[in-house]
């Protein structure tokens, strides 16, 4: 009975977050939100609201938490294992490097920016900010760069090499405002700096808008991807996987990824790694989040099967309402 009550409490907390995603999906699907307006929402979240929220969290987080090498070892190592496993499986099933790599990226890259930060802070409190922010940096710098480099190994994947893909990924990281916001927040935390009151209030207003607008935007992006996928030719290198690949990789993302983090983390703790159990549980909950919606944008840019990636993101987001709540009730 206590377990059921705990699960119901978690569902009550997570419901508004997934409800906002559904609202965005319905708004775009029904035409209430024009599809050309979605990039504007994305731009507001990516360049204004979310950087302000990350700056605030970075400024309130001890620098030692933002530089925790134990988190890097456990979370980054699990990402590497997951990417290697999914790419190997995809290649054995006949996929080219491009689609195998993006299948791995959508499986290993959780939606920690748009969904994970506000959701986990609401569930567990602001103390989780440090580990969550660090996982974002690992995924943006390490996981995405690795998968982009792998996607260029096939001669048919746009004619670019892995070195070119790595340079493009590095340029994308430099242009991404989120790592800079985290870095500025860390500097402010280390130096004990505080923004002037008017600036702080402006940053606070934008930060408060990050969570609802980001969640609404996720739903709109998923609806747009679904609409665009319905107009695509079903023929292609991943045709044989349609109907089952999306569900399998979504389940790998939602179930295997967090279990892998827990297994590796507890194994390393048994070997003497001083990783706090509470931090390990936060890492597992980040891994239990659905796939990041921005992977579909990268897929379109690099010429992989965007319909397949969009389906994986949609399935993982739909199933995460139950699976994520289950992990939270279990670990908490």
C-alpha atoms as a PDB file:
ATOM      1  CA  UNK A   1       0.000   0.000   0.000  1.00  0.00           C
ATOM      2  CA  UNK A   2       2.832   2.413   0.840  1.00  0.00           C
ATOM      3  CA  UNK A   3       4.436   1.738  -2.546  1.00  0.00           C
ATOM      4  CA  UNK A   4       1.158   2.483  -4.341  1.00  0.00           C
ATOM      5  CA  UNK A   5       0.730   5.728  -2.408  1.00  0.00           C
ATOM      6  CA  UNK A   6       4.297   6.742  -3.232  1.00  0.00           C
ATOM      7  CA  UNK A   7       3.718   6.058  -6.925  1.00  0.00           C
ATOM      8  CA  UNK A   8       0.488   8.079  -6.902  1.00  0.00           C
ATOM      9  CA  UNK A   9       2.280  11.000  -5.276  1.00  0.00           C
ATOM     10  CA  UNK A  10       4.987  10.888  -7.935  1.00  0.00           C
ATOM     11  CA  UNK A  11       2.382  10.731 -10.712  1.00  0.00           C
ATOM     12  CA  UNK A  12       0.620  13.730  -9.213  1.00  0.00           C
ATOM     13  CA  UNK A  13       3.889  15.688  -9.329  1.00  0.00           C
ATOM     14  CA  UNK A  14       4.921  14.617 -12.831  1.00  0.00           C
ATOM     15  CA  UNK A  15       1.447  14.912 -14.404  1.00  0.00           C
ATOM     16  CA  UNK A  16       1.570  18.705 -15.017  1.00  0.00           C
ATOM     17  CA  UNK A  17       4.899  18.380 -16.824  1.00  0.00           C
ATOM     18  CA  UNK A  18       3.658  15.735 -19.249  1.00  0.00           C
ATOM     19  CA  UNK A  19       0.298  17.537 -19.536  1.00  0.00           C
ATOM     20  CA  UNK A  20       2.113  20.619 -20.839  1.00  0.00           C
ATOM     21  CA  UNK A  21       3.861  18.447 -23.438  1.00  0.00           C
ATOM     22  CA  UNK A  22       0.462  17.114 -24.488  1.00  0.00           C
ATOM     23  CA  UNK A  23      -0.942  20.654 -24.708  1.00  0.00           C
ATOM     24  CA  UNK A  24       1.851  21.652 -27.080  1.00  0.00           C
ATOM     25  CA  UNK A  25       1.308  18.524 -29.158  1.00  0.00           C
ATOM     26  CA  UNK A  26      -2.442  19.146 -29.485  1.00  0.00           C
ATOM     27  CA  UNK A  27      -1.947  22.839 -30.247  1.00  0.00           C
ATOM     28  CA  UNK A  28       0.405  22.104 -33.143  1.00  0.00           C
ATOM     29  CA  UNK A  29      -1.538  19.063 -34.351  1.00  0.00           C
ATOM     30  CA  UNK A  30      -4.826  21.005 -34.495  1.00  0.00           C
ATOM     31  CA  UNK A  31      -3.264  24.072 -36.081  1.00  0.00           C
ATOM     32  CA  UNK A  32      -3.796  26.307 -33.038  1.00  0.00           C
ATOM     33  CA  UNK A  33      -0.051  26.851 -33.050  1.00  0.00           C
ATOM     34  CA  UNK A  34       1.186  27.378 -36.635  1.00  0.00           C
ATOM     35  CA  UNK A  35       4.158  25.182 -37.477  1.00  0.00           C
ATOM     36  CA  UNK A  36       6.260  28.185 -38.630  1.00  0.00           C
ATOM     37  CA  UNK A  37       5.904  29.608 -35.098  1.00  0.00           C
ATOM     38  CA  UNK A  38       7.620  26.616 -33.453  1.00  0.00           C
ATOM     39  CA  UNK A  39      11.187  27.789 -34.242  1.00  0.00           C
ATOM     40  CA  UNK A  40      10.330  31.037 -32.469  1.00  0.00           C
ATOM     41  CA  UNK A  41       9.344  29.137 -29.329  1.00  0.00           C
ATOM     42  CA  UNK A  42      12.507  27.070 -29.611  1.00  0.00           C
ATOM     43  CA  UNK A  43      14.575  30.228 -29.957  1.00  0.00           C
ATOM     44  CA  UNK A  44      12.998  31.832 -26.897  1.00  0.00           C
ATOM     45  CA  UNK A  45      13.670  28.756 -24.753  1.00  0.00           C
ATOM     46  CA  UNK A  46      17.157  28.047 -26.095  1.00  0.00           C
ATOM     47  CA  UNK A  47      18.565  31.586 -26.142  1.00  0.00           C
ATOM     48  CA  UNK A  48      16.678  33.346 -23.348  1.00  0.00           C
ATOM     49  CA  UNK A  49      14.654  31.356 -20.803  1.00  0.00           C
ATOM     50  CA  UNK A  50      16.684  28.170 -20.351  1.00  0.00           C
ATOM     51  CA  UNK A  51      20.109  29.908 -20.161  1.00  0.00           C
ATOM     52  CA  UNK A  52      18.720  32.174 -17.426  1.00  0.00           C
ATOM     53  CA  UNK A  53      17.441  29.165 -15.482  1.00  0.00           C
ATOM     54  CA  UNK A  54      20.767  27.344 -15.875  1.00  0.00           C
ATOM     55  CA  UNK A  55      22.689  30.457 -14.837  1.00  0.00           C
ATOM     56  CA  UNK A  56      20.615  30.735 -11.683  1.00  0.00           C
ATOM     57  CA  UNK A  57      21.115  27.067 -10.854  1.00  0.00           C
ATOM     58  CA  UNK A  58      24.840  27.223 -11.603  1.00  0.00           C
ATOM     59  CA  UNK A  59      25.236  30.295  -9.418  1.00  0.00           C
ATOM     60  CA  UNK A  60      23.475  28.556  -6.515  1.00  0.00           C
ATOM     61  CA  UNK A  61      25.409  25.289  -6.865  1.00  0.00           C
ATOM     62  CA  UNK A  62      28.798  24.698  -5.219  1.00  0.00           C
ATOM     63  CA  UNK A  63      31.512  24.513  -7.868  1.00  0.00           C
ATOM     64  CA  UNK A  64      32.682  21.131  -6.541  1.00  0.00           C
ATOM     65  CA  UNK A  65      29.350  19.612  -7.634  1.00  0.00           C
ATOM     66  CA  UNK A  66      29.796  20.991 -11.140  1.00  0.00           C
ATOM     67  CA  UNK A  67      33.260  19.416 -11.391  1.00  0.00           C
ATOM     68  CA  UNK A  68      32.463  15.991  -9.930  1.00  0.00           C
ATOM     69  CA  UNK A  69      34.704  13.524 -11.786  1.00  0.00           C
ATOM     70  CA  UNK A  70      32.774  10.588 -10.308  1.00  0.00           C
ATOM     71  CA  UNK A  71      29.646  11.724 -12.156  1.00  0.00           C
ATOM     72  CA  UNK A  72      31.703  12.060 -15.333  1.00  0.00           C
ATOM     73  CA  UNK A  73      33.056   8.535 -14.937  1.00  0.00           C
ATOM     74  CA  UNK A  74      29.715   6.832 -14.228  1.00  0.00           C
ATOM     75  CA  UNK A  75      27.364   8.783 -16.477  1.00  0.00           C
ATOM     76  CA  UNK A  76      29.853   9.308 -19.315  1.00  0.00           C
ATOM     77  CA  UNK A  77      30.969   5.674 -19.194  1.00  0.00           C
ATOM     78  CA  UNK A  78      27.370   4.444 -19.405  1.00  0.00           C
ATOM     79  CA  UNK A  79      26.718   6.759 -22.361  1.00  0.00           C
ATOM     80  CA  UNK A  80      29.749   5.301 -24.131  1.00  0.00           C
ATOM     81  CA  UNK A  81      28.582   1.717 -23.495  1.00  0.00           C
ATOM     82  CA  UNK A  82      25.057   2.495 -24.662  1.00  0.00           C
ATOM     83  CA  UNK A  83      26.238   4.208 -27.854  1.00  0.00           C
ATOM     84  CA  UNK A  84      28.582   1.308 -28.625  1.00  0.00           C
ATOM     85  CA  UNK A  85      25.824  -1.251 -28.080  1.00  0.00           C
ATOM     86  CA  UNK A  86      23.150   0.495 -30.154  1.00  0.00           C
ATOM     87  CA  UNK A  87      25.544   1.310 -33.011  1.00  0.00           C
ATOM     88  CA  UNK A  88      26.784  -2.293 -33.104  1.00  0.00           C
ATOM     89  CA  UNK A  89      23.233  -3.643 -33.135  1.00  0.00           C
ATOM     90  CA  UNK A  90      22.198  -1.214 -35.861  1.00  0.00           C
ATOM     91  CA  UNK A  91      25.162  -2.109 -38.065  1.00  0.00           C
ATOM     92  CA  UNK A  92      24.414  -5.824 -37.673  1.00  0.00           C
ATOM     93  CA  UNK A  93      20.825  -5.171 -38.766  1.00  0.00           C
ATOM     94  CA  UNK A  94      22.020  -3.517 -41.969  1.00  0.00           C
ATOM     95  CA  UNK A  95      21.891   0.178 -41.103  1.00  0.00           C
ATOM     96  CA  UNK A  96      24.476   2.557 -42.476  1.00  0.00           C
ATOM     97  CA  UNK A  97      26.704   4.486 -40.074  1.00  0.00           C
ATOM     98  CA  UNK A  98      24.518   7.582 -40.309  1.00  0.00           C
ATOM     99  CA  UNK A  99      21.293   5.948 -39.143  1.00  0.00           C
ATOM    100  CA  UNK A 100      23.039   3.648 -36.659  1.00  0.00           C
ATOM    101  CA  UNK A 101      24.759   6.644 -35.031  1.00  0.00           C
ATOM    102  CA  UNK A 102      21.612   8.748 -34.765  1.00  0.00           C
ATOM    103  CA  UNK A 103      19.717   5.757 -33.409  1.00  0.00           C
ATOM    104  CA  UNK A 104      22.376   5.628 -30.695  1.00  0.00           C
ATOM    105  CA  UNK A 105      22.180   9.380 -30.047  1.00  0.00           C
ATOM    106  CA  UNK A 106      18.404   9.395 -29.615  1.00  0.00           C
ATOM    107  CA  UNK A 107      18.750   6.405 -27.277  1.00  0.00           C
ATOM    108  CA  UNK A 108      21.537   7.825 -25.099  1.00  0.00           C
ATOM    109  CA  UNK A 109      20.616  11.545 -25.034  1.00  0.00           C
ATOM    110  CA  UNK A 110      17.854  12.291 -22.467  1.00  0.00           C
ATOM    111  CA  UNK A 111      15.702  15.405 -22.548  1.00  0.00           C
ATOM    112  CA  UNK A 112      17.509  16.800 -19.525  1.00  0.00           C
ATOM    113  CA  UNK A 113      17.491  20.440 -20.641  1.00  0.00           C
ATOM    114  CA  UNK A 114      13.881  21.084 -21.618  1.00  0.00           C
ATOM    115  CA  UNK A 115      12.311  18.539 -19.229  1.00  0.00           C
ATOM    116  CA  UNK A 116      14.795  17.029 -16.785  1.00  0.00           C
ATOM    117  CA  UNK A 117      16.019  20.115 -14.948  1.00  0.00           C
ATOM    118  CA  UNK A 118      12.596  21.534 -13.984  1.00  0.00           C
ATOM    119  CA  UNK A 119      11.068  18.097 -13.395  1.00  0.00           C
ATOM    120  CA  UNK A 120      13.820  16.755 -11.133  1.00  0.00           C
ATOM    121  CA  UNK A 121      14.079  20.021  -9.204  1.00  0.00           C
ATOM    122  CA  UNK A 122      10.313  19.893  -8.599  1.00  0.00           C
ATOM    123  CA  UNK A 123      10.548  16.282  -7.433  1.00  0.00           C
ATOM    124  CA  UNK A 124      13.749  16.289  -5.391  1.00  0.00           C
ATOM    125  CA  UNK A 125      14.585  19.915  -4.683  1.00  0.00           C
ATOM    126  CA  UNK A 126      17.314  22.314  -5.857  1.00  0.00           C
ATOM    127  CA  UNK A 127      20.096  20.108  -4.451  1.00  0.00           C
ATOM    128  CA  UNK A 128      19.921  17.958  -7.607  1.00  0.00           C
ATOM    129  CA  UNK A 129      20.910  20.869  -9.858  1.00  0.00           C
ATOM    130  CA  UNK A 130      24.641  20.112  -9.791  1.00  0.00           C
ATOM    131  CA  UNK A 131      24.534  16.483 -11.021  1.00  0.00           C
ATOM    132  CA  UNK A 132      21.790  17.236 -13.573  1.00  0.00           C
ATOM    133  CA  UNK A 133      23.689  20.191 -15.046  1.00  0.00           C
ATOM    134  CA  UNK A 134      26.845  18.081 -15.277  1.00  0.00           C
ATOM    135  CA  UNK A 135      24.992  15.333 -17.172  1.00  0.00           C
ATOM    136  CA  UNK A 136      23.789  17.981 -19.628  1.00  0.00           C
ATOM    137  CA  UNK A 137      27.366  19.037 -20.287  1.00  0.00           C
ATOM    138  CA  UNK A 138      28.428  15.411 -20.805  1.00  0.00           C
ATOM    139  CA  UNK A 139      25.635  14.814 -23.315  1.00  0.00           C
ATOM    140  CA  UNK A 140      26.161  18.083 -25.189  1.00  0.00           C
ATOM    141  CA  UNK A 141      29.951  17.823 -25.379  1.00  0.00           C
ATOM    142  CA  UNK A 142      30.763  14.105 -25.330  1.00  0.00           C
ATOM    143  CA  UNK A 143      27.760  11.990 -26.387  1.00  0.00           C
ATOM    144  CA  UNK A 144      26.568  14.189 -29.241  1.00  0.00           C
ATOM    145  CA  UNK A 145      30.095  14.758 -30.600  1.00  0.00           C
ATOM    146  CA  UNK A 146      30.835  11.027 -30.550  1.00  0.00           C
ATOM    147  CA  UNK A 147      27.629  10.147 -32.398  1.00  0.00           C
ATOM    148  CA  UNK A 148      28.095  12.900 -34.974  1.00  0.00           C
ATOM    149  CA  UNK A 149      31.609  11.637 -35.685  1.00  0.00           C
ATOM    150  CA  UNK A 150      30.326   8.060 -36.062  1.00  0.00           C
ATOM    151  CA  UNK A 151      27.568   9.236 -38.407  1.00  0.00           C
ATOM    152  CA  UNK A 152      30.185  10.454 -40.895  1.00  0.00           C
ATOM    153  CA  UNK A 153      32.079   7.165 -41.168  1.00  0.00           C
ATOM    154  CA  UNK A 154      29.895   5.951 -44.013  1.00  0.00           C
ATOM    155  CA  UNK A 155      30.916   7.331 -47.411  1.00  0.00           C
ATOM    156  CA  UNK A 156      27.222   7.688 -48.316  1.00  0.00           C
ATOM    157  CA  UNK A 157      26.516   9.978 -45.344  1.00  0.00           C
ATOM    158  CA  UNK A 158      27.005  13.303 -47.074  1.00  0.00           C
ATOM    159  CA  UNK A 159      30.599  12.738 -48.066  1.00  0.00           C
ATOM    160  CA  UNK A 160      31.985  14.223 -44.846  1.00  0.00           C
ATOM    161  CA  UNK A 161      34.578  12.660 -42.613  1.00  0.00           C
ATOM    162  CA  UNK A 162      34.590  12.149 -38.875  1.00  0.00           C
ATOM    163  CA  UNK A 163      37.067  15.014 -38.411  1.00  0.00           C
ATOM    164  CA  UNK A 164      34.703  17.424 -40.200  1.00  0.00           C
ATOM    165  CA  UNK A 165      31.809  16.216 -38.055  1.00  0.00           C
ATOM    166  CA  UNK A 166      33.844  16.785 -34.891  1.00  0.00           C
ATOM    167  CA  UNK A 167      34.697  20.330 -35.991  1.00  0.00           C
ATOM    168  CA  UNK A 168      31.022  20.999 -36.720  1.00  0.00           C
ATOM    169  CA  UNK A 169      30.068  19.569 -33.333  1.00  0.00           C
ATOM    170  CA  UNK A 170      32.660  21.764 -31.615  1.00  0.00           C
ATOM    171  CA  UNK A 171      31.261  24.795 -33.426  1.00  0.00           C
ATOM    172  CA  UNK A 172      27.762  23.853 -32.323  1.00  0.00           C
ATOM    173  CA  UNK A 173      28.905  23.603 -28.713  1.00  0.00           C
ATOM    174  CA  UNK A 174      30.529  27.046 -28.886  1.00  0.00           C
ATOM    175  CA  UNK A 175      27.339  28.552 -30.346  1.00  0.00           C
ATOM    176  CA  UNK A 176      25.086  26.812 -27.816  1.00  0.00           C
ATOM    177  CA  UNK A 177      24.208  29.308 -25.059  1.00  0.00           C
ATOM    178  CA  UNK A 178      23.487  26.636 -22.429  1.00  0.00           C
ATOM    179  CA  UNK A 179      27.108  25.623 -21.671  1.00  0.00           C
ATOM    180  CA  UNK A 180      28.051  29.305 -21.478  1.00  0.00           C
ATOM    181  CA  UNK A 181      25.184  29.976 -19.054  1.00  0.00           C
ATOM    182  CA  UNK A 182      26.332  27.089 -16.859  1.00  0.00           C
ATOM    183  CA  UNK A 183      29.933  28.319 -16.990  1.00  0.00           C
ATOM    184  CA  UNK A 184      28.940  31.889 -16.065  1.00  0.00           C
ATOM    185  CA  UNK A 185      26.824  30.553 -13.212  1.00  0.00           C
ATOM    186  CA  UNK A 186      29.785  28.513 -11.960  1.00  0.00           C
ATOM    187  CA  UNK A 187      32.014  31.601 -12.084  1.00  0.00           C
ATOM    188  CA  UNK A 188      29.429  33.571 -10.145  1.00  0.00           C
ATOM    189  CA  UNK A 189      29.196  30.757  -7.586  1.00  0.00           C
ATOM    190  CA  UNK A 190      32.969  30.495  -7.167  1.00  0.00           C
ATOM    191  CA  UNK A 191      33.464  34.256  -6.878  1.00  0.00           C
ATOM    192  CA  UNK A 192      30.391  34.885  -4.735  1.00  0.00           C
ATOM    193  CA  UNK A 193      29.080  37.423  -7.237  1.00  0.00           C
ATOM    194  CA  UNK A 194      25.475  38.644  -7.319  1.00  0.00           C
ATOM    195  CA  UNK A 195      23.671  40.388 -10.158  1.00  0.00           C
ATOM    196  CA  UNK A 196      22.260  43.884  -9.631  1.00  0.00           C
ATOM    197  CA  UNK A 197      18.663  43.721  -8.435  1.00  0.00           C
ATOM    198  CA  UNK A 198      16.991  44.850 -11.727  1.00  0.00           C
ATOM    199  CA  UNK A 199      19.092  42.418 -13.772  1.00  0.00           C
ATOM    200  CA  UNK A 200      18.468  39.619 -11.274  1.00  0.00           C
ATOM    201  CA  UNK A 201      14.708  40.199 -11.480  1.00  0.00           C
ATOM    202  CA  UNK A 202      14.829  40.112 -15.284  1.00  0.00           C
ATOM    203  CA  UNK A 203      16.819  36.874 -15.231  1.00  0.00           C
ATOM    204  CA  UNK A 204      14.343  35.464 -12.716  1.00  0.00           C
ATOM    205  CA  UNK A 205      11.339  36.264 -14.927  1.00  0.00           C
ATOM    206  CA  UNK A 206      12.947  34.573 -17.915  1.00  0.00           C
ATOM    207  CA  UNK A 207      14.000  31.600 -15.798  1.00  0.00           C
ATOM    208  CA  UNK A 208      10.448  31.184 -14.501  1.00  0.00           C
ATOM    209  CA  UNK A 209       9.192  30.984 -18.091  1.00  0.00           C
ATOM    210  CA  UNK A 210      11.690  28.281 -19.078  1.00  0.00           C
ATOM    211  CA  UNK A 211       9.862  25.247 -17.714  1.00  0.00           C
ATOM    212  CA  UNK A 212       6.306  25.781 -19.073  1.00  0.00           C
ATOM    213  CA  UNK A 213       7.409  27.127 -22.450  1.00  0.00           C
ATOM    214  CA  UNK A 214      10.040  24.398 -22.886  1.00  0.00           C
ATOM    215  CA  UNK A 215       7.560  21.618 -22.116  1.00  0.00           C
ATOM    216  CA  UNK A 216       4.937  23.138 -24.417  1.00  0.00           C
ATOM    217  CA  UNK A 217       7.581  23.431 -27.132  1.00  0.00           C
ATOM    218  CA  UNK A 218       8.530  19.750 -26.773  1.00  0.00           C
ATOM    219  CA  UNK A 219       4.959  18.773 -27.577  1.00  0.00           C
ATOM    220  CA  UNK A 220       4.822  21.156 -30.535  1.00  0.00           C
ATOM    221  CA  UNK A 221       8.116  19.805 -31.916  1.00  0.00           C
ATOM    222  CA  UNK A 222       6.848  16.224 -31.598  1.00  0.00           C
ATOM    223  CA  UNK A 223       3.636  17.117 -33.418  1.00  0.00           C
ATOM    224  CA  UNK A 224       5.582  18.818 -36.207  1.00  0.00           C
ATOM    225  CA  UNK A 225       7.844  15.787 -36.540  1.00  0.00           C
ATOM    226  CA  UNK A 226       4.798  13.517 -36.727  1.00  0.00           C
ATOM    227  CA  UNK A 227       3.193  15.682 -39.412  1.00  0.00           C
ATOM    228  CA  UNK A 228       6.390  15.821 -41.448  1.00  0.00           C
ATOM    229  CA  UNK A 229       6.996  12.082 -41.064  1.00  0.00           C
ATOM    230  CA  UNK A 230       3.533  11.311 -42.421  1.00  0.00           C
ATOM    231  CA  UNK A 231       4.517  12.971 -45.711  1.00  0.00           C
ATOM    232  CA  UNK A 232       7.822  11.133 -46.107  1.00  0.00           C
ATOM    233  CA  UNK A 233       8.445   8.213 -48.419  1.00  0.00           C
ATOM    234  CA  UNK A 234       8.514   5.051 -46.257  1.00  0.00           C
ATOM    235  CA  UNK A 235      11.247   3.557 -48.435  1.00  0.00           C
ATOM    236  CA  UNK A 236      14.758   3.888 -47.131  1.00  0.00           C
ATOM    237  CA  UNK A 237      17.551   2.226 -45.235  1.00  0.00           C
ATOM    238  CA  UNK A 238      15.436   1.803 -42.089  1.00  0.00           C
ATOM    239  CA  UNK A 239      12.266   0.564 -43.782  1.00  0.00           C
ATOM    240  CA  UNK A 240      12.749  -2.972 -42.453  1.00  0.00           C
ATOM    241  CA  UNK A 241      12.824  -1.648 -38.893  1.00  0.00           C
ATOM    242  CA  UNK A 242       9.573   0.319 -39.027  1.00  0.00           C
ATOM    243  CA  UNK A 243       6.969  -0.762 -36.498  1.00  0.00           C
ATOM    244  CA  UNK A 244       9.375  -2.279 -33.972  1.00  0.00           C
ATOM    245  CA  UNK A 245      12.636  -0.363 -33.915  1.00  0.00           C
ATOM    246  CA  UNK A 246      11.048   2.721 -32.390  1.00  0.00           C
ATOM    247  CA  UNK A 247       9.509   0.787 -29.499  1.00  0.00           C
ATOM    248  CA  UNK A 248      12.669  -1.251 -28.839  1.00  0.00           C
ATOM    249  CA  UNK A 249      14.973   1.770 -28.723  1.00  0.00           C
ATOM    250  CA  UNK A 250      12.448   3.750 -26.648  1.00  0.00           C
ATOM    251  CA  UNK A 251      12.427   0.926 -24.089  1.00  0.00           C
ATOM    252  CA  UNK A 252      16.229   0.798 -24.145  1.00  0.00           C
ATOM    253  CA  UNK A 253      16.223   4.530 -23.403  1.00  0.00           C
ATOM    254  CA  UNK A 254      13.645   4.393 -20.620  1.00  0.00           C
ATOM    255  CA  UNK A 255      14.590   1.111 -18.925  1.00  0.00           C
ATOM    256  CA  UNK A 256      18.025  -0.168 -19.902  1.00  0.00           C
ATOM    257  CA  UNK A 257      19.771   3.210 -19.700  1.00  0.00           C
ATOM    258  CA  UNK A 258      18.854   3.952 -16.051  1.00  0.00           C
ATOM    259  CA  UNK A 259      19.431   0.327 -15.023  1.00  0.00           C
ATOM    260  CA  UNK A 260      22.857   0.476 -16.668  1.00  0.00           C
ATOM    261  CA  UNK A 261      23.696   3.642 -14.711  1.00  0.00           C
ATOM    262  CA  UNK A 262      22.588   2.009 -11.463  1.00  0.00           C
ATOM    263  CA  UNK A 263      24.495  -1.205 -12.182  1.00  0.00           C
ATOM    264  CA  UNK A 264      27.737   0.545 -13.164  1.00  0.00           C
ATOM    265  CA  UNK A 265      27.413   3.032 -10.311  1.00  0.00           C
ATOM    266  CA  UNK A 266      26.846   0.455  -7.604  1.00  0.00           C
ATOM    267  CA  UNK A 267      29.570  -1.730  -9.092  1.00  0.00           C
ATOM    268  CA  UNK A 268      32.102   1.092  -8.945  1.00  0.00           C
ATOM    269  CA  UNK A 269      30.974   1.973  -5.425  1.00  0.00           C
ATOM    270  CA  UNK A 270      31.681  -1.618  -4.421  1.00  0.00           C
ATOM    271  CA  UNK A 271      35.179  -1.175  -5.875  1.00  0.00           C
ATOM    272  CA  UNK A 272      35.766   1.882  -3.707  1.00  0.00           C
ATOM    273  CA  UNK A 273      34.503   4.841  -5.816  1.00  0.00           C
ATOM    274  CA  UNK A 274      33.238   7.483  -3.342  1.00  0.00           C
ATOM    275  CA  UNK A 275      30.044   8.267  -5.257  1.00  0.00           C
ATOM    276  CA  UNK A 276      27.141   9.357  -3.086  1.00  0.00           C
ATOM    277  CA  UNK A 277      24.074   7.104  -3.407  1.00  0.00           C
ATOM    278  CA  UNK A 278      21.744  10.106  -3.711  1.00  0.00           C
ATOM    279  CA  UNK A 279      23.813  11.452  -6.608  1.00  0.00           C
ATOM    280  CA  UNK A 280      23.778   8.036  -8.273  1.00  0.00           C
ATOM    281  CA  UNK A 281      19.992   7.949  -8.036  1.00  0.00           C
ATOM    282  CA  UNK A 282      19.794  11.400  -9.646  1.00  0.00           C
ATOM    283  CA  UNK A 283      21.979  10.155 -12.520  1.00  0.00           C
ATOM    284  CA  UNK A 284      19.677   7.158 -12.965  1.00  0.00           C
ATOM    285  CA  UNK A 285      16.612   9.414 -13.058  1.00  0.00           C
ATOM    286  CA  UNK A 286      18.249  11.614 -15.688  1.00  0.00           C
ATOM    287  CA  UNK A 287      18.887   8.469 -17.743  1.00  0.00           C
ATOM    288  CA  UNK A 288      15.224   7.473 -17.284  1.00  0.00           C
ATOM    289  CA  UNK A 289      14.019  10.654 -19.020  1.00  0.00           C
ATOM    290  CA  UNK A 290      12.645  10.379 -22.579  1.00  0.00           C
ATOM    291  CA  UNK A 291      14.821  11.085 -25.598  1.00  0.00           C
ATOM    292  CA  UNK A 292      15.840  14.673 -26.317  1.00  0.00           C
ATOM    293  CA  UNK A 293      13.585  16.344 -28.873  1.00  0.00           C
ATOM    294  CA  UNK A 294      16.432  18.302 -30.482  1.00  0.00           C
ATOM    295  CA  UNK A 295      17.946  15.072 -31.850  1.00  0.00           C
ATOM    296  CA  UNK A 296      15.314  15.146 -34.601  1.00  0.00           C
ATOM    297  CA  UNK A 297      16.676  18.526 -35.741  1.00  0.00           C
ATOM    298  CA  UNK A 298      20.204  17.119 -35.957  1.00  0.00           C
ATOM    299  CA  UNK A 299      18.876  14.113 -37.858  1.00  0.00           C
ATOM    300  CA  UNK A 300      17.332  16.343 -40.513  1.00  0.00           C
ATOM    301  CA  UNK A 301      20.528  18.371 -40.794  1.00  0.00           C
ATOM    302  CA  UNK A 302      22.741  15.317 -41.317  1.00  0.00           C
ATOM    303  CA  UNK A 303      20.414  13.447 -43.677  1.00  0.00           C
ATOM    304  CA  UNK A 304      19.456  10.455 -41.512  1.00  0.00           C
ATOM    305  CA  UNK A 305      15.957   8.965 -41.236  1.00  0.00           C
ATOM    306  CA  UNK A 306      14.212  11.740 -39.309  1.00  0.00           C
ATOM    307  CA  UNK A 307      10.866   9.896 -39.290  1.00  0.00           C
ATOM    308  CA  UNK A 308      12.424   6.991 -37.411  1.00  0.00           C
ATOM    309  CA  UNK A 309      14.063   9.282 -34.840  1.00  0.00           C
ATOM    310  CA  UNK A 310      10.837  11.262 -34.408  1.00  0.00           C
ATOM    311  CA  UNK A 311       8.922   8.053 -33.678  1.00  0.00           C
ATOM    312  CA  UNK A 312      11.490   7.009 -31.052  1.00  0.00           C
ATOM    313  CA  UNK A 313      11.203  10.409 -29.358  1.00  0.00           C
ATOM    314  CA  UNK A 314       7.389  10.298 -29.412  1.00  0.00           C
ATOM    315  CA  UNK A 315       7.187   6.738 -28.079  1.00  0.00           C
ATOM    316  CA  UNK A 316       9.730   7.400 -25.329  1.00  0.00           C
ATOM    317  CA  UNK A 317       7.927  10.593 -24.280  1.00  0.00           C
ATOM    318  CA  UNK A 318       4.550   8.843 -24.157  1.00  0.00           C
ATOM    319  CA  UNK A 319       5.837   5.850 -22.203  1.00  0.00           C
ATOM    320  CA  UNK A 320       7.969   7.959 -19.849  1.00  0.00           C
ATOM    321  CA  UNK A 321       4.921   9.187 -17.937  1.00  0.00           C
ATOM    322  CA  UNK A 322       4.597   5.724 -16.385  1.00  0.00           C
ATOM    323  CA  UNK A 323       8.198   4.458 -16.534  1.00  0.00           C
ATOM    324  CA  UNK A 324       9.783   7.606 -15.093  1.00  0.00           C
ATOM    325  CA  UNK A 325       7.275   7.745 -12.260  1.00  0.00           C
ATOM    326  CA  UNK A 326       8.032   4.119 -11.506  1.00  0.00           C
ATOM    327  CA  UNK A 327      11.767   4.809 -11.233  1.00  0.00           C
ATOM    328  CA  UNK A 328      11.169   7.836  -9.016  1.00  0.00           C
ATOM    329  CA  UNK A 329       8.894   5.861  -6.666  1.00  0.00           C
ATOM    330  CA  UNK A 330      11.406   3.000  -6.549  1.00  0.00           C
ATOM    331  CA  UNK A 331      14.537   5.074  -5.939  1.00  0.00           C
ATOM    332  CA  UNK A 332      13.007   7.693  -3.698  1.00  0.00           C
END
